[in-house]
Amino acid sequence: MSKGWSHKLLATPDNNEENLSNNNERKIMRRDIERQRREQMASLYSSLRLLLPLEFIKGKRSALDLINEAANYIKHMTEKIQGLQVERDQLKNLSNSTAFIPGIESWNNCSLNYATVRVSEAGVEILMSSWLREEGFLLSKVLELLLEEGLSVIRCASNKTNERLFLTIQSEVCDPTCFNLSELQQKLNAMCNYG
């Protein structure tokens, strides 16, 4: 017998039906597994979408856009965390500083309250330190003064250490042509020391 005849003999109608049945079962099983995978991926994308702030989603529909925006958000938050860590370290150094101020022994032992104004990337950064008083530190007066001077406050952070209040205020200058850093610093120092 030739080889062709042997294959034909093995492929009886019963074997064909069994093979077709197995193939159909495999196809159904693969289809079910793929459907479950797609459902799980859709659920995970939905969960990821809920975790992202709206400004990072902006109506994006595709999974690729969602993953890309999630990566952008993670980078954004990493940069923000690093910036906050630097700011925290600066405040710690400021509160533990032994740097000298003209006419004052040290910042820690300083009996006066003070304010420092300097140019920063965002505009103007104001660092203030005040002993905690019974009547409290009137932040509203400081913010009012900044508005009068043409500054827009972006962020204000405070830290209490060793009975002193440390403030860091980030602001933008509305009109840089009519802004004087040293004059603002004098006004803030007068406000810190005399209320």
N, C-alpha and C. Protein backbone atom coordinates (compact mmCIF):
# COMPACT_ATOMS: atom_id res chain seq x y z
N MET A 1 0.83 -1.20 0.00
CA MET A 1 0.00 0.00 0.00
C MET A 1 0.86 1.24 0.00
N SER A 2 0.38 2.27 -0.65
CA SER A 2 1.12 3.54 -0.64
C SER A 2 0.75 4.33 0.60
N LYS A 3 1.55 5.35 0.89
CA LYS A 3 1.33 6.16 2.08
C LYS A 3 0.00 6.90 2.02
N GLY A 4 -0.42 7.36 0.91
CA GLY A 4 -1.67 8.08 0.76
C GLY A 4 -2.87 7.26 1.21
N TRP A 5 -2.84 5.95 0.87
CA TRP A 5 -3.93 5.07 1.27
C TRP A 5 -3.99 4.88 2.78
N SER A 6 -2.82 4.85 3.45
CA SER A 6 -2.81 4.61 4.90
C SER A 6 -3.44 5.78 5.64
N HIS A 7 -3.18 6.97 5.18
CA HIS A 7 -3.80 8.15 5.83
C HIS A 7 -5.29 8.16 5.62
N LYS A 8 -5.70 7.77 4.45
CA LYS A 8 -7.13 7.76 4.17
C LYS A 8 -7.84 6.71 5.00
N LEU A 9 -7.16 5.63 5.26
CA LEU A 9 -7.77 4.58 6.05
C LEU A 9 -7.93 5.01 7.51
N LEU A 10 -6.97 5.79 8.01
CA LEU A 10 -7.04 6.24 9.40
C LEU A 10 -8.12 7.29 9.61
N ALA A 11 -8.41 8.06 8.60
CA ALA A 11 -9.40 9.13 8.73
C ALA A 11 -10.78 8.60 8.48
N THR A 12 -11.27 7.87 9.42
CA THR A 12 -12.63 7.33 9.32
C THR A 12 -13.62 8.38 9.76
N PRO A 13 -14.89 8.24 9.47
CA PRO A 13 -15.88 9.23 9.87
C PRO A 13 -15.91 9.45 11.38
N ASP A 14 -15.71 8.42 12.17
CA ASP A 14 -15.72 8.58 13.63
C ASP A 14 -14.57 9.47 14.08
N ASN A 15 -13.38 9.27 13.52
CA ASN A 15 -12.22 10.11 13.86
C ASN A 15 -12.44 11.56 13.46
N ASN A 16 -13.03 11.80 12.31
CA ASN A 16 -13.30 13.17 11.84
C ASN A 16 -14.22 13.91 12.80
N GLU A 17 -15.27 13.24 13.22
CA GLU A 17 -16.21 13.88 14.15
C GLU A 17 -15.54 14.19 15.47
N GLU A 18 -14.71 13.26 15.95
CA GLU A 18 -13.99 13.45 17.21
C GLU A 18 -13.01 14.62 17.10
N ASN A 19 -12.29 14.70 15.99
CA ASN A 19 -11.34 15.79 15.76
C ASN A 19 -12.06 17.13 15.68
N LEU A 20 -13.18 17.15 14.97
CA LEU A 20 -13.95 18.39 14.85
C LEU A 20 -14.49 18.82 16.22
N SER A 21 -14.95 17.86 16.98
CA SER A 21 -15.46 18.15 18.32
C SER A 21 -14.36 18.73 19.21
N ASN A 22 -13.16 18.13 19.18
CA ASN A 22 -12.02 18.63 19.96
C ASN A 22 -11.61 20.03 19.50
N ASN A 23 -11.59 20.23 18.19
CA ASN A 23 -11.23 21.55 17.64
C ASN A 23 -12.24 22.61 18.08
N ASN A 24 -13.53 22.25 18.02
CA ASN A 24 -14.57 23.20 18.44
C ASN A 24 -14.44 23.53 19.93
N GLU A 25 -14.17 22.51 20.74
CA GLU A 25 -14.00 22.74 22.17
C GLU A 25 -12.81 23.65 22.44
N ARG A 26 -11.70 23.43 21.74
CA ARG A 26 -10.51 24.27 21.89
C ARG A 26 -10.80 25.72 21.47
N LYS A 27 -11.50 25.86 20.36
CA LYS A 27 -11.85 27.21 19.90
C LYS A 27 -12.73 27.93 20.92
N ILE A 28 -13.70 27.21 21.45
CA ILE A 28 -14.59 27.80 22.45
C ILE A 28 -13.80 28.17 23.70
N MET A 29 -12.90 27.28 24.11
CA MET A 29 -12.09 27.54 25.29
C MET A 29 -11.18 28.76 25.06
N ARG A 30 -10.52 28.83 23.90
CA ARG A 30 -9.67 29.98 23.57
C ARG A 30 -10.48 31.27 23.53
N ARG A 31 -11.67 31.19 22.94
CA ARG A 31 -12.54 32.35 22.85
C ARG A 31 -12.93 32.84 24.25
N ASP A 32 -13.28 31.90 25.15
CA ASP A 32 -13.64 32.26 26.53
C ASP A 32 -12.46 32.87 27.28
N ILE A 33 -11.29 32.28 27.11
CA ILE A 33 -10.09 32.81 27.77
C ILE A 33 -9.79 34.22 27.27
N GLU A 34 -9.89 34.44 25.97
CA GLU A 34 -9.64 35.76 25.40
C GLU A 34 -10.69 36.77 25.87
N ARG A 35 -11.96 36.35 25.94
CA ARG A 35 -13.02 37.24 26.43
C ARG A 35 -12.74 37.64 27.88
N GLN A 36 -12.34 36.69 28.71
CA GLN A 36 -12.02 36.98 30.11
C GLN A 36 -10.83 37.94 30.21
N ARG A 37 -9.83 37.72 29.37
CA ARG A 37 -8.66 38.61 29.35
C ARG A 37 -9.06 40.04 28.98
N ARG A 38 -9.89 40.17 27.94
CA ARG A 38 -10.35 41.50 27.53
C ARG A 38 -11.16 42.18 28.63
N GLU A 39 -12.04 41.41 29.30
CA GLU A 39 -12.83 41.97 30.40
C GLU A 39 -11.94 42.42 31.54
N GLN A 40 -10.93 41.62 31.87
CA GLN A 40 -10.01 41.99 32.94
C GLN A 40 -9.22 43.25 32.57
N MET A 41 -8.75 43.32 31.32
CA MET A 41 -8.01 44.51 30.86
C MET A 41 -8.91 45.74 30.91
N ALA A 42 -10.15 45.62 30.49
CA ALA A 42 -11.09 46.74 30.54
C ALA A 42 -11.30 47.20 31.98
N SER A 43 -11.41 46.26 32.89
CA SER A 43 -11.58 46.59 34.31
C SER A 43 -10.34 47.31 34.84
N LEU A 44 -9.15 46.83 34.48
CA LEU A 44 -7.91 47.47 34.93
C LEU A 44 -7.76 48.87 34.34
N TYR A 45 -8.09 49.05 33.06
CA TYR A 45 -8.04 50.38 32.45
C TYR A 45 -9.00 51.33 33.15
N SER A 46 -10.18 50.81 33.48
CA SER A 46 -11.16 51.63 34.19
C SER A 46 -10.64 52.05 35.56
N SER A 47 -10.02 51.13 36.27
CA SER A 47 -9.43 51.44 37.58
C SER A 47 -8.33 52.48 37.44
N LEU A 48 -7.50 52.34 36.42
CA LEU A 48 -6.41 53.30 36.18
C LEU A 48 -6.98 54.67 35.86
N ARG A 49 -8.03 54.71 35.05
CA ARG A 49 -8.68 55.98 34.69
C ARG A 49 -9.21 56.70 35.94
N LEU A 50 -9.76 55.94 36.89
CA LEU A 50 -10.29 56.53 38.11
C LEU A 50 -9.19 57.11 39.00
N LEU A 51 -7.98 56.59 38.90
CA LEU A 51 -6.88 57.06 39.73
C LEU A 51 -6.23 58.34 39.21
N LEU A 52 -6.42 58.63 37.93
CA LEU A 52 -5.78 59.81 37.34
C LEU A 52 -6.65 61.05 37.51
N PRO A 53 -6.01 62.20 37.78
CA PRO A 53 -6.78 63.46 37.84
C PRO A 53 -7.36 63.80 36.47
N LEU A 54 -8.44 64.54 36.47
CA LEU A 54 -9.14 64.86 35.22
C LEU A 54 -8.26 65.57 34.21
N GLU A 55 -7.34 66.45 34.67
CA GLU A 55 -6.52 67.19 33.71
C GLU A 55 -5.58 66.28 32.93
N PHE A 56 -5.32 65.07 33.42
CA PHE A 56 -4.46 64.14 32.70
C PHE A 56 -5.26 63.25 31.76
N ILE A 57 -6.56 63.13 31.98
CA ILE A 57 -7.38 62.26 31.13
C ILE A 57 -7.90 63.04 29.92
N LYS A 58 -8.55 64.17 30.17
CA LYS A 58 -9.06 65.06 29.12
C LYS A 58 -9.78 64.34 27.99
N GLY A 59 -10.69 63.44 28.32
CA GLY A 59 -11.51 62.78 27.31
C GLY A 59 -10.80 61.71 26.50
N LYS A 60 -9.60 61.33 26.89
CA LYS A 60 -8.87 60.31 26.15
C LYS A 60 -9.63 58.98 26.26
N ARG A 61 -9.74 58.27 25.15
CA ARG A 61 -10.53 57.04 25.13
C ARG A 61 -9.67 55.79 24.97
N SER A 62 -8.60 55.86 24.19
CA SER A 62 -7.86 54.64 23.90
C SER A 62 -7.00 54.22 25.09
N ALA A 63 -6.76 52.94 25.17
CA ALA A 63 -5.94 52.38 26.25
C ALA A 63 -4.52 52.93 26.17
N LEU A 64 -4.01 53.09 24.96
CA LEU A 64 -2.66 53.63 24.77
C LEU A 64 -2.56 55.05 25.31
N ASP A 65 -3.56 55.89 25.03
CA ASP A 65 -3.58 57.26 25.57
C ASP A 65 -3.63 57.24 27.09
N LEU A 66 -4.43 56.35 27.64
CA LEU A 66 -4.57 56.24 29.10
C LEU A 66 -3.24 55.85 29.74
N ILE A 67 -2.56 54.89 29.19
CA ILE A 67 -1.27 54.45 29.73
C ILE A 67 -0.24 55.56 29.59
N ASN A 68 -0.24 56.25 28.47
CA ASN A 68 0.69 57.36 28.25
C ASN A 68 0.45 58.47 29.27
N GLU A 69 -0.81 58.82 29.51
CA GLU A 69 -1.13 59.87 30.48
C GLU A 69 -0.79 59.43 31.91
N ALA A 70 -0.96 58.14 32.20
CA ALA A 70 -0.58 57.62 33.52
C ALA A 70 0.92 57.77 33.73
N ALA A 71 1.70 57.48 32.69
CA ALA A 71 3.16 57.65 32.77
C ALA A 71 3.51 59.12 32.97
N ASN A 72 2.83 60.02 32.25
CA ASN A 72 3.06 61.46 32.42
C ASN A 72 2.72 61.91 33.83
N TYR A 73 1.64 61.39 34.36
CA TYR A 73 1.22 61.75 35.72
C TYR A 73 2.25 61.27 36.75
N ILE A 74 2.76 60.07 36.56
CA ILE A 74 3.77 59.54 37.48
C ILE A 74 5.02 60.42 37.43
N LYS A 75 5.45 60.82 36.23
CA LYS A 75 6.61 61.71 36.11
C LYS A 75 6.33 63.05 36.80
N HIS A 76 5.14 63.59 36.57
CA HIS A 76 4.74 64.86 37.18
C HIS A 76 4.79 64.77 38.70
N MET A 77 4.22 63.70 39.24
CA MET A 77 4.19 63.55 40.70
C MET A 77 5.59 63.31 41.27
N THR A 78 6.43 62.60 40.54
CA THR A 78 7.81 62.39 40.99
C THR A 78 8.54 63.72 41.08
N GLU A 79 8.39 64.57 40.06
CA GLU A 79 9.02 65.89 40.09
C GLU A 79 8.47 66.74 41.23
N LYS A 80 7.17 66.66 41.44
CA LYS A 80 6.54 67.43 42.51
C LYS A 80 7.05 66.96 43.88
N ILE A 81 7.16 65.65 44.07
CA ILE A 81 7.67 65.10 45.33
C ILE A 81 9.11 65.55 45.56
N GLN A 82 9.92 65.51 44.50
CA GLN A 82 11.31 65.94 44.65
C GLN A 82 11.38 67.42 45.02
N GLY A 83 10.54 68.23 44.41
CA GLY A 83 10.49 69.66 44.74
C GLY A 83 10.06 69.88 46.19
N LEU A 84 9.07 69.13 46.64
CA LEU A 84 8.61 69.26 48.03
C LEU A 84 9.67 68.78 49.01
N GLN A 85 10.43 67.74 48.63
CA GLN A 85 11.51 67.27 49.50
C GLN A 85 12.59 68.33 49.63
N VAL A 86 12.93 68.99 48.53
CA VAL A 86 13.92 70.07 48.57
C VAL A 86 13.41 71.20 49.46
N GLU A 87 12.14 71.56 49.28
CA GLU A 87 11.55 72.63 50.09
C GLU A 87 11.54 72.26 51.57
N ARG A 88 11.18 71.01 51.87
CA ARG A 88 11.19 70.54 53.26
C ARG A 88 12.59 70.63 53.84
N ASP A 89 13.59 70.18 53.07
CA ASP A 89 14.97 70.24 53.55
C ASP A 89 15.43 71.67 53.78
N GLN A 90 15.01 72.58 52.89
CA GLN A 90 15.35 73.99 53.07
C GLN A 90 14.73 74.54 54.35
N LEU A 91 13.47 74.18 54.60
CA LEU A 91 12.81 74.64 55.82
C LEU A 91 13.47 74.05 57.06
N LYS A 92 13.86 72.77 56.99
CA LYS A 92 14.56 72.17 58.12
C LYS A 92 15.89 72.88 58.36
N ASN A 93 16.61 73.12 57.26
CA ASN A 93 17.89 73.82 57.40
C ASN A 93 17.68 75.22 57.94
N LEU A 94 16.62 75.87 57.51
CA LEU A 94 16.32 77.21 57.97
C LEU A 94 15.99 77.20 59.46
N SER A 95 15.23 76.21 59.91
CA SER A 95 14.86 76.16 61.32
C SER A 95 16.04 75.73 62.20
N ASN A 96 16.97 74.95 61.63
CA ASN A 96 18.12 74.49 62.39
C ASN A 96 19.39 75.29 62.08
N SER A 97 19.22 76.33 61.26
CA SER A 97 20.36 77.09 60.77
C SER A 97 21.06 77.85 61.89
N THR A 98 22.37 77.95 61.73
CA THR A 98 23.14 78.80 62.63
C THR A 98 23.74 79.94 61.82
N ALA A 99 23.18 80.18 60.64
CA ALA A 99 23.65 81.28 59.79
C ALA A 99 23.37 82.61 60.48
N PHE A 100 24.22 83.55 60.24
CA PHE A 100 24.11 84.83 60.92
C PHE A 100 23.37 85.84 60.08
N ILE A 101 22.55 86.61 60.74
CA ILE A 101 21.87 87.75 60.14
C ILE A 101 22.57 88.97 60.70
N PRO A 102 22.87 89.97 59.88
CA PRO A 102 23.55 91.15 60.41
C PRO A 102 22.82 91.71 61.62
N GLY A 103 23.55 91.84 62.74
CA GLY A 103 22.98 92.41 63.95
C GLY A 103 22.23 91.42 64.80
N ILE A 104 22.11 90.15 64.35
CA ILE A 104 21.38 89.15 65.12
C ILE A 104 22.30 87.95 65.27
N GLU A 105 22.37 87.35 66.46
CA GLU A 105 23.31 86.25 66.71
C GLU A 105 23.05 85.05 65.81
N SER A 106 21.87 84.48 65.83
CA SER A 106 21.56 83.36 64.94
C SER A 106 20.06 83.30 64.72
N TRP A 107 19.65 82.58 63.67
CA TRP A 107 18.24 82.49 63.33
C TRP A 107 17.48 81.76 64.42
N ASN A 108 18.08 80.72 64.99
CA ASN A 108 17.39 79.95 66.02
C ASN A 108 17.20 80.75 67.29
N ASN A 109 18.21 81.53 67.63
CA ASN A 109 18.15 82.28 68.89
C ASN A 109 17.61 83.69 68.67
N CYS A 110 17.13 83.94 67.49
CA CYS A 110 16.66 85.26 67.12
C CYS A 110 15.43 85.65 67.95
N SER A 111 15.51 86.82 68.55
CA SER A 111 14.36 87.28 69.33
C SER A 111 13.37 88.01 68.44
N LEU A 112 13.83 88.41 67.24
CA LEU A 112 12.94 89.10 66.30
C LEU A 112 12.36 88.11 65.31
N ASN A 113 11.27 88.50 64.74
CA ASN A 113 10.70 87.75 63.63
C ASN A 113 11.29 88.34 62.35
N TYR A 114 11.31 87.59 61.28
CA TYR A 114 11.93 88.09 60.06
C TYR A 114 11.21 87.58 58.83
N ALA A 115 11.50 88.26 57.73
CA ALA A 115 10.99 87.87 56.42
C ALA A 115 12.11 88.06 55.41
N THR A 116 12.21 87.13 54.48
CA THR A 116 13.19 87.22 53.40
C THR A 116 12.43 87.09 52.09
N VAL A 117 12.72 88.00 51.17
CA VAL A 117 12.05 87.99 49.86
C VAL A 117 13.12 87.79 48.81
N ARG A 118 12.88 86.85 47.90
CA ARG A 118 13.84 86.59 46.83
C ARG A 118 13.12 86.16 45.56
N VAL A 119 13.80 86.32 44.44
CA VAL A 119 13.25 85.92 43.15
C VAL A 119 13.40 84.41 43.03
N SER A 120 12.37 83.75 42.52
CA SER A 120 12.41 82.30 42.30
C SER A 120 11.97 82.00 40.88
N GLU A 121 11.97 80.72 40.51
CA GLU A 121 11.55 80.33 39.15
C GLU A 121 10.12 80.76 38.86
N ALA A 122 9.24 80.59 39.85
CA ALA A 122 7.82 80.89 39.65
C ALA A 122 7.53 82.39 39.75
N GLY A 123 8.42 83.16 40.34
CA GLY A 123 8.17 84.59 40.51
C GLY A 123 8.92 85.10 41.73
N VAL A 124 8.24 85.12 42.88
CA VAL A 124 8.82 85.61 44.11
C VAL A 124 8.56 84.60 45.22
N GLU A 125 9.61 84.32 46.00
CA GLU A 125 9.47 83.42 47.13
C GLU A 125 9.70 84.23 48.41
N ILE A 126 8.81 84.04 49.37
CA ILE A 126 8.89 84.75 50.64
C ILE A 126 9.04 83.72 51.74
N LEU A 127 10.11 83.87 52.53
CA LEU A 127 10.34 83.00 53.68
C LEU A 127 10.14 83.86 54.92
N MET A 128 9.32 83.39 55.83
CA MET A 128 9.04 84.16 57.05
C MET A 128 9.19 83.25 58.25
N SER A 129 9.66 83.85 59.35
CA SER A 129 9.76 83.13 60.61
C SER A 129 9.22 84.03 61.70
N SER A 130 8.44 83.44 62.58
CA SER A 130 7.82 84.21 63.65
C SER A 130 7.71 83.35 64.89
N TRP A 131 8.00 83.95 66.06
CA TRP A 131 7.73 83.25 67.30
C TRP A 131 6.22 83.11 67.42
N LEU A 132 5.78 81.99 67.91
CA LEU A 132 4.35 81.80 68.12
C LEU A 132 3.92 82.67 69.30
N ARG A 133 2.96 83.54 69.04
CA ARG A 133 2.49 84.46 70.08
C ARG A 133 1.09 84.06 70.51
N GLU A 134 0.70 84.60 71.64
CA GLU A 134 -0.65 84.31 72.14
C GLU A 134 -1.71 84.77 71.15
N GLU A 135 -1.50 85.95 70.56
CA GLU A 135 -2.49 86.47 69.63
C GLU A 135 -2.39 85.81 68.26
N GLY A 136 -1.30 85.05 68.06
CA GLY A 136 -1.15 84.31 66.81
C GLY A 136 -0.54 85.16 65.71
N PHE A 137 -0.15 84.50 64.67
CA PHE A 137 0.44 85.16 63.50
C PHE A 137 -0.68 85.40 62.50
N LEU A 138 -0.83 86.63 62.08
CA LEU A 138 -1.95 86.96 61.20
C LEU A 138 -1.55 86.80 59.74
N LEU A 139 -1.71 85.61 59.25
CA LEU A 139 -1.39 85.29 57.86
C LEU A 139 -2.24 86.13 56.91
N SER A 140 -3.46 86.40 57.30
CA SER A 140 -4.36 87.17 56.42
C SER A 140 -3.78 88.56 56.14
N LYS A 141 -3.11 89.16 57.12
CA LYS A 141 -2.49 90.48 56.91
C LYS A 141 -1.35 90.38 55.90
N VAL A 142 -0.57 89.31 56.00
CA VAL A 142 0.54 89.12 55.07
C VAL A 142 0.00 88.93 53.65
N LEU A 143 -1.01 88.10 53.51
CA LEU A 143 -1.59 87.85 52.18
C LEU A 143 -2.22 89.12 51.61
N GLU A 144 -2.84 89.89 52.47
CA GLU A 144 -3.43 91.17 52.05
C GLU A 144 -2.35 92.10 51.52
N LEU A 145 -1.23 92.18 52.23
CA LEU A 145 -0.11 93.03 51.79
C LEU A 145 0.42 92.57 50.44
N LEU A 146 0.55 91.27 50.25
CA LEU A 146 1.05 90.75 48.97
C LEU A 146 0.11 91.12 47.82
N LEU A 147 -1.18 91.04 48.06
CA LEU A 147 -2.14 91.44 47.02
C LEU A 147 -2.02 92.93 46.71
N GLU A 148 -1.85 93.74 47.76
CA GLU A 148 -1.68 95.19 47.55
C GLU A 148 -0.43 95.50 46.74
N GLU A 149 0.59 94.67 46.91
CA GLU A 149 1.86 94.88 46.19
C GLU A 149 1.81 94.32 44.77
N GLY A 150 0.71 93.71 44.38
CA GLY A 150 0.56 93.19 43.01
C GLY A 150 1.05 91.77 42.83
N LEU A 151 1.08 91.00 43.91
CA LEU A 151 1.51 89.60 43.82
C LEU A 151 0.29 88.68 43.86
N SER A 152 0.37 87.59 43.11
CA SER A 152 -0.66 86.55 43.17
C SER A 152 -0.05 85.35 43.88
N VAL A 153 -0.65 84.95 44.99
CA VAL A 153 -0.12 83.83 45.77
C VAL A 153 -0.47 82.53 45.07
N ILE A 154 0.55 81.72 44.83
CA ILE A 154 0.37 80.42 44.19
C ILE A 154 0.26 79.34 45.25
N ARG A 155 1.16 79.41 46.26
CA ARG A 155 1.19 78.37 47.28
C ARG A 155 1.73 78.95 48.58
N CYS A 156 1.20 78.45 49.67
CA CYS A 156 1.66 78.87 50.99
C CYS A 156 1.81 77.61 51.84
N ALA A 157 3.00 77.41 52.40
CA ALA A 157 3.26 76.24 53.25
C ALA A 157 3.77 76.72 54.59
N SER A 158 3.37 76.04 55.65
CA SER A 158 3.82 76.43 56.99
C SER A 158 4.39 75.23 57.72
N ASN A 159 5.27 75.54 58.67
CA ASN A 159 5.90 74.50 59.48
C ASN A 159 6.15 75.09 60.86
N LYS A 160 5.81 74.34 61.90
CA LYS A 160 6.02 74.79 63.27
C LYS A 160 7.17 73.98 63.86
N THR A 161 8.23 74.67 64.28
CA THR A 161 9.38 74.02 64.87
C THR A 161 9.90 74.86 66.03
N ASN A 162 10.13 74.22 67.16
CA ASN A 162 10.70 74.91 68.33
C ASN A 162 9.99 76.22 68.66
N GLU A 163 8.68 76.17 68.71
CA GLU A 163 7.85 77.34 69.04
C GLU A 163 7.99 78.48 68.04
N ARG A 164 8.47 78.17 66.84
CA ARG A 164 8.53 79.17 65.77
C ARG A 164 7.66 78.69 64.62
N LEU A 165 7.08 79.64 63.92
CA LEU A 165 6.28 79.34 62.74
C LEU A 165 7.10 79.77 61.52
N PHE A 166 7.30 78.86 60.58
CA PHE A 166 8.02 79.14 59.35
C PHE A 166 7.02 79.08 58.20
N LEU A 167 7.02 80.12 57.38
CA LEU A 167 6.13 80.18 56.21
C LEU A 167 6.96 80.26 54.95
N THR A 168 6.52 79.57 53.93
CA THR A 168 7.09 79.72 52.60
C THR A 168 5.92 80.07 51.69
N ILE A 169 6.02 81.21 51.05
CA ILE A 169 4.94 81.67 50.17
C ILE A 169 5.51 81.84 48.77
N GLN A 170 4.94 81.12 47.82
CA GLN A 170 5.30 81.25 46.41
C GLN A 170 4.28 82.14 45.74
N SER A 171 4.75 83.12 44.99
CA SER A 171 3.80 84.02 44.34
C SER A 171 4.33 84.46 42.98
N GLU A 172 3.40 84.93 42.17
CA GLU A 172 3.73 85.48 40.85
C GLU A 172 3.56 86.99 40.92
N VAL A 173 4.37 87.69 40.14
CA VAL A 173 4.29 89.14 40.08
C VAL A 173 3.37 89.52 38.93
N CYS A 174 2.31 90.27 39.25
CA CYS A 174 1.38 90.69 38.21
C CYS A 174 2.04 91.70 37.26
N ASP A 175 2.75 92.69 37.83
CA ASP A 175 3.42 93.71 37.02
C ASP A 175 4.86 93.87 37.53
N PRO A 176 5.84 93.19 36.92
CA PRO A 176 7.21 93.21 37.42
C PRO A 176 7.87 94.59 37.35
N THR A 177 7.35 95.48 36.54
CA THR A 177 7.98 96.81 36.39
C THR A 177 7.80 97.68 37.63
N CYS A 178 6.74 97.47 38.38
CA CYS A 178 6.51 98.30 39.56
C CYS A 178 6.63 97.49 40.85
N PHE A 179 7.62 96.60 40.87
CA PHE A 179 7.79 95.75 42.04
C PHE A 179 9.19 95.94 42.61
N ASN A 180 9.28 96.12 43.94
CA ASN A 180 10.55 96.36 44.62
C ASN A 180 10.72 95.31 45.73
N LEU A 181 11.69 94.40 45.56
CA LEU A 181 11.90 93.31 46.51
C LEU A 181 12.27 93.83 47.91
N SER A 182 13.22 94.78 47.95
CA SER A 182 13.69 95.25 49.27
C SER A 182 12.59 96.00 50.02
N GLU A 183 11.78 96.75 49.30
CA GLU A 183 10.68 97.47 49.95
C GLU A 183 9.66 96.49 50.53
N LEU A 184 9.34 95.44 49.76
CA LEU A 184 8.41 94.42 50.26
C LEU A 184 8.99 93.72 51.49
N GLN A 185 10.28 93.42 51.45
CA GLN A 185 10.92 92.75 52.58
C GLN A 185 10.86 93.64 53.83
N GLN A 186 11.07 94.94 53.66
CA GLN A 186 10.99 95.86 54.80
C GLN A 186 9.58 95.87 55.39
N LYS A 187 8.58 95.94 54.51
CA LYS A 187 7.19 95.95 54.98
C LYS A 187 6.84 94.66 55.72
N LEU A 188 7.28 93.53 55.17
CA LEU A 188 7.00 92.24 55.82
C LEU A 188 7.72 92.11 57.15
N ASN A 189 8.96 92.59 57.22
CA ASN A 189 9.70 92.54 58.49
C ASN A 189 9.03 93.42 59.53
N ALA A 190 8.55 94.60 59.12
CA ALA A 190 7.85 95.48 60.06
C ALA A 190 6.57 94.80 60.55
N MET A 191 5.87 94.13 59.63
CA MET A 191 4.64 93.43 60.00
C MET A 191 4.94 92.27 60.96
N CYS A 192 6.05 91.54 60.71
CA CYS A 192 6.42 90.41 61.57
C CYS A 192 6.74 90.87 62.99
N ASN A 193 7.44 91.98 63.09
CA ASN A 193 7.95 92.41 64.40
C ASN A 193 6.98 93.30 65.17
N TYR A 194 6.13 94.00 64.45
CA TYR A 194 5.25 94.95 65.15
C TYR A 194 3.78 94.66 64.93
N GLY A 195 3.47 93.61 64.20
CA GLY A 195 2.07 93.23 64.00
C GLY A 195 1.48 94.08 62.98
